[in-house]
Amino acid sequence: MKIDFTGKTVLVTGASGGIGRAISLAFSRTNATIHAHYKSNKKEAEKTLQLLSGDNHSLHQADLSDHKDVEAMINNIGNINIVVNNAAVVQQHEFDLLDYEDWGKIWEETIGANLMGPAYLMFLTSKNMQKNGGGKFINISSRGAFRGEPKAAAYGASKAGLNALGQSMAQALAKDNIFVYTLAPGFVETERVKNLIDDEVRAQSPLNRVAKPEEVAQTAIWLASDGNDFLTGSIVDINGASYLRS
């Protein structure tokens, strides 16, 4: 099945590498116009832009934890048909070695980027979608939302919150032809986590490997395409059966 997003605009947050870059590339190959967001890594974001198929793509810098920054970015972009909330902060730690100040800082930064950012974006862009006949949100969560993250508690909690946000907004926005999906990958082979991927991590899946960014991107493309309206509110696991829930 060939998917064609000609005439559609897609905002991908955290597009400077990893999953965000793979999703941006995949959407560009379907003829969509990409608005690639980054926070600080402009060099890698520009590399993403250079790799995209087609023309008229653009870069946008914003601190997603800052509601004014998010509003300025959305006002600058204009019409958006599909939003992929991918940008995320994860800070690994040894709980027993943290002091109270460090603990608070980790939570503030993580919740700000991983949960408040998507909440700001969904509010602002849904208003635009309501005026234009609908749209789609794809939120990138994590299996850590379900199994717990003892070395990244704020990250796990933020992703559990993102799951709940997606389900709540799926119910709130369905009347406006706006649909919300959540993807929950396990480990994905990216630069950010490559040092954490060893034989033990790979063995968590019966496939004896971790996901490729392109596999997450392919699922995002499919969910953004026509015919998936009744999946709104769903959370799709992409973890190679490394963590099963029922």
Protein backbone atom coordinates (compact mmCIF):
# COMPACT_ATOMS: atom_id res chain seq x y z
CA MET A 1 0.00 0.00 0.00
CA LYS A 2 1.44 3.33 -1.10
CA ILE A 3 0.80 6.17 1.33
CA ASP A 4 0.82 9.69 -0.07
CA PHE A 5 0.71 12.79 2.14
CA THR A 6 0.96 15.34 -0.66
CA GLY A 7 -0.39 18.65 0.62
CA LYS A 8 -0.06 17.60 4.28
CA THR A 9 2.17 19.34 6.81
CA VAL A 10 3.83 17.39 9.61
CA LEU A 11 5.46 18.77 12.75
CA VAL A 12 8.02 16.38 14.24
CA THR A 13 9.52 17.37 17.59
CA GLY A 14 13.01 16.26 18.52
CA ALA A 15 13.94 15.83 14.86
CA SER A 16 17.70 16.30 15.24
CA GLY A 17 18.41 12.57 15.41
CA GLY A 18 17.25 9.07 16.32
CA ILE A 19 13.55 8.33 16.12
CA GLY A 20 12.66 11.93 15.25
CA ARG A 21 14.98 11.97 12.27
CA ALA A 22 13.71 8.61 11.04
CA ILE A 23 10.09 9.78 11.31
CA SER A 24 10.89 13.03 9.50
CA LEU A 25 12.60 11.13 6.68
CA ALA A 26 9.75 8.64 6.38
CA PHE A 27 7.09 11.34 6.13
CA SER A 28 9.16 13.29 3.60
CA ARG A 29 9.22 10.20 1.36
CA THR A 30 5.41 10.29 1.31
CA ASN A 31 5.51 13.85 -0.10
CA ALA A 32 4.57 15.56 3.18
CA THR A 33 6.02 18.96 4.12
CA ILE A 34 8.09 18.59 7.28
CA HIS A 35 8.46 21.13 10.08
CA ALA A 36 11.40 19.73 12.02
CA HIS A 37 11.73 20.91 15.61
CA TYR A 38 14.87 20.99 17.72
CA LYS A 39 15.80 22.50 21.07
CA SER A 40 19.58 23.01 21.00
CA ASN A 41 21.31 20.72 18.50
CA LYS A 42 20.97 22.91 15.43
CA LYS A 43 23.83 21.20 13.57
CA GLU A 44 22.14 17.79 13.65
CA ALA A 45 18.75 19.33 12.94
CA GLU A 46 20.19 20.91 9.81
CA LYS A 47 21.54 17.50 8.84
CA THR A 48 18.04 16.08 9.14
CA LEU A 49 16.73 18.87 6.91
CA GLN A 50 19.37 18.08 4.27
CA LEU A 51 18.39 14.40 4.25
CA LEU A 52 14.69 14.99 3.64
CA SER A 53 13.13 14.17 0.31
CA GLY A 54 11.42 17.00 -1.53
CA ASP A 55 11.36 20.73 -0.88
CA ASN A 56 9.75 23.38 1.33
CA HIS A 57 10.73 21.75 4.62
CA SER A 58 11.77 23.93 7.55
CA LEU A 59 13.52 23.98 10.94
CA HIS A 60 12.05 25.39 14.12
CA GLN A 61 13.79 25.92 17.45
CA ALA A 62 11.86 25.89 20.71
CA ASP A 63 12.13 24.90 24.35
CA LEU A 64 9.01 22.77 24.65
CA SER A 65 8.83 23.25 28.41
CA ASP A 66 8.29 26.97 27.82
CA HIS A 67 4.68 27.64 26.78
CA LYS A 68 5.61 30.96 25.18
CA ASP A 69 8.32 29.31 23.08
CA VAL A 70 5.83 26.69 21.91
CA GLU A 71 3.24 29.33 21.05
CA ALA A 72 5.77 31.35 19.03
CA MET A 73 6.80 28.25 17.08
CA ILE A 74 3.23 27.28 16.25
CA ASN A 75 2.36 30.83 15.19
CA ASN A 76 5.39 30.81 12.92
CA ILE A 77 4.48 27.50 11.30
CA GLY A 78 0.78 28.05 10.71
CA ASN A 79 -1.32 25.15 9.43
CA ILE A 80 -0.35 21.68 10.69
CA ASN A 81 -2.14 18.45 9.74
CA ILE A 82 -0.11 15.91 11.73
CA VAL A 83 1.90 16.35 14.94
CA VAL A 84 4.44 13.78 16.14
CA ASN A 85 5.32 14.45 19.78
CA ASN A 86 8.69 12.73 19.85
CA ALA A 87 11.07 15.03 21.74
CA ALA A 88 12.01 13.69 25.17
CA VAL A 89 14.47 14.07 28.03
CA VAL A 90 15.78 11.03 29.90
CA GLN A 91 18.22 11.39 32.77
CA GLN A 92 19.70 8.17 34.14
CA HIS A 93 20.57 8.19 37.82
CA GLU A 94 21.35 6.09 40.86
CA PHE A 95 18.61 7.01 43.29
CA ASP A 96 20.69 6.49 46.43
CA LEU A 97 23.33 8.93 45.18
CA LEU A 98 20.95 11.82 44.49
CA ASP A 99 20.33 14.72 46.82
CA TYR A 100 16.96 16.46 47.05
CA GLU A 101 17.97 19.34 44.77
CA ASP A 102 19.15 16.98 42.01
CA TRP A 103 15.96 14.94 42.34
CA GLY A 104 13.78 18.01 41.95
CA LYS A 105 15.76 19.31 38.97
CA ILE A 106 15.47 16.00 37.12
CA TRP A 107 11.70 15.93 37.62
CA GLU A 108 11.20 19.54 36.59
CA GLU A 109 13.22 19.18 33.38
CA THR A 110 11.76 15.80 32.45
CA ILE A 111 8.10 16.60 33.05
CA GLY A 112 8.55 19.95 31.32
CA ALA A 113 9.90 18.46 28.10
CA ASN A 114 8.13 15.09 28.01
CA LEU A 115 4.65 15.97 29.25
CA MET A 116 4.06 19.72 29.41
CA GLY A 117 5.55 20.21 25.93
CA PRO A 118 3.13 17.77 24.26
CA ALA A 119 0.26 19.23 26.29
CA TYR A 120 1.07 22.75 25.05
CA LEU A 121 1.42 21.52 21.47
CA MET A 122 -1.79 19.51 21.50
CA PHE A 123 -3.78 22.45 22.84
CA LEU A 124 -2.49 24.96 20.30
CA THR A 125 -2.41 22.76 17.21
CA SER A 126 -5.79 21.18 17.90
CA LYS A 127 -7.34 24.66 17.73
CA ASN A 128 -5.86 24.97 14.25
CA MET A 129 -7.03 21.46 13.28
CA GLN A 130 -10.57 22.21 14.44
CA LYS A 131 -10.76 25.06 11.95
CA ASN A 132 -9.38 22.93 9.13
CA GLY A 133 -11.49 19.79 9.35
CA GLY A 134 -9.34 17.57 11.55
CA GLY A 135 -5.88 16.15 12.01
CA LYS A 136 -3.78 13.55 13.79
CA PHE A 137 -1.47 13.35 16.78
CA ILE A 138 1.10 10.61 17.27
CA ASN A 139 2.75 10.61 20.68
CA ILE A 140 5.97 8.68 21.25
CA SER A 141 5.83 7.08 24.68
CA SER A 142 7.84 4.15 26.08
CA ARG A 143 7.47 0.68 27.55
CA GLY A 144 8.95 2.33 30.64
CA ALA A 145 5.51 3.82 31.27
CA PHE A 146 4.29 0.32 32.11
CA ARG A 147 7.19 -1.59 33.60
CA GLY A 148 8.81 1.14 35.72
CA GLU A 149 12.18 2.87 35.37
CA PRO A 150 14.15 2.67 38.65
CA LYS A 151 17.09 4.57 37.13
CA ALA A 152 14.88 7.12 35.38
CA ALA A 153 11.77 7.46 37.51
CA ALA A 154 10.78 10.87 36.15
CA TYR A 155 11.06 9.56 32.59
CA GLY A 156 8.79 6.59 33.28
CA ALA A 157 6.26 8.81 35.03
CA SER A 158 6.32 11.38 32.23
CA LYS A 159 5.60 8.70 29.64
CA ALA A 160 2.76 7.27 31.72
CA GLY A 161 1.38 10.80 31.83
CA LEU A 162 1.77 11.09 28.06
CA ASN A 163 -0.24 7.89 27.64
CA ALA A 164 -3.04 9.35 29.76
CA LEU A 165 -2.86 12.67 27.92
CA GLY A 166 -3.25 10.92 24.58
CA GLN A 167 -6.24 8.89 25.73
CA SER A 168 -7.93 11.92 27.27
CA MET A 169 -7.42 14.04 24.18
CA ALA A 170 -8.60 11.22 21.91
CA GLN A 171 -11.95 11.41 23.69
CA ALA A 172 -12.03 15.20 23.78
CA LEU A 173 -11.15 15.73 20.11
CA ALA A 174 -12.93 12.89 18.28
CA LYS A 175 -15.93 15.16 17.63
CA ASP A 176 -13.62 17.39 15.59
CA ASN A 177 -12.25 14.62 13.38
CA ILE A 178 -8.96 14.77 15.30
CA PHE A 179 -7.39 11.43 16.21
CA VAL A 180 -4.71 10.60 18.76
CA TYR A 181 -2.39 7.59 18.82
CA THR A 182 0.46 6.62 21.10
CA LEU A 183 3.49 4.48 20.26
CA ALA A 184 5.37 2.78 23.11
CA PRO A 185 8.76 1.50 21.97
CA GLY A 186 11.22 -0.45 24.04
CA PHE A 187 14.91 0.15 23.39
CA VAL A 188 15.55 1.64 19.95
CA GLU A 189 18.94 1.62 18.26
CA THR A 190 19.86 5.31 18.45
CA GLU A 191 23.00 7.25 19.30
CA ARG A 192 21.53 8.35 22.62
CA VAL A 193 21.19 4.85 24.05
CA LYS A 194 23.72 2.81 22.09
CA ASN A 195 25.98 2.49 25.15
CA LEU A 196 23.11 0.91 27.08
CA ILE A 197 22.38 -1.77 24.50
CA ASP A 198 24.25 -4.98 25.31
CA ASP A 199 23.54 -8.69 24.87
CA GLU A 200 21.35 -8.73 27.97
CA VAL A 201 19.17 -5.91 26.59
CA ARG A 202 18.91 -7.59 23.19
CA ALA A 203 17.94 -10.87 24.84
CA GLN A 204 14.90 -9.23 26.42
CA SER A 205 13.20 -9.73 23.05
CA PRO A 206 12.73 -13.17 21.47
CA LEU A 207 13.99 -11.51 18.29
CA ASN A 208 17.30 -11.00 20.13
CA ARG A 209 17.62 -7.38 19.09
CA VAL A 210 16.21 -3.93 19.75
CA ALA A 211 14.02 -1.88 17.44
CA LYS A 212 15.33 0.18 14.56
CA PRO A 213 14.20 3.83 14.33
CA GLU A 214 12.74 3.06 10.93
CA GLU A 215 10.36 0.51 12.48
CA VAL A 216 8.91 3.15 14.76
CA ALA A 217 8.68 5.53 11.81
CA GLN A 218 6.82 3.01 9.66
CA THR A 219 4.22 2.53 12.36
CA ALA A 220 3.81 6.29 12.73
CA ILE A 221 3.27 6.62 8.97
CA TRP A 222 0.64 3.90 9.00
CA LEU A 223 -1.28 5.44 11.90
CA ALA A 224 -1.21 8.86 10.25
CA SER A 225 -2.71 7.45 7.06
CA ASP A 226 -6.42 7.14 6.25
CA GLY A 227 -8.57 4.37 7.64
CA ASN A 228 -7.29 4.25 11.23
CA ASP A 229 -9.86 6.49 12.88
CA PHE A 230 -11.20 3.76 15.17
CA LEU A 231 -7.74 3.22 16.63
CA THR A 232 -7.88 6.64 18.25
CA GLY A 233 -6.88 6.47 21.90
CA SER A 234 -4.82 3.32 21.37
CA ILE A 235 -1.32 2.65 22.67
CA VAL A 236 0.72 0.52 20.27
CA ASP A 237 3.64 -1.44 21.70
CA ILE A 238 6.80 -1.62 19.61
CA ASN A 239 9.08 -3.66 21.83
CA GLY A 240 9.61 -6.99 20.08
CA ALA A 241 7.67 -8.84 22.80
CA SER A 242 10.28 -7.76 25.35
CA TYR A 243 7.47 -6.55 27.61
CA LEU A 244 3.96 -7.90 27.32
CA ARG A 245 0.83 -6.47 28.90
CA SER A 246 -2.80 -7.50 28.77
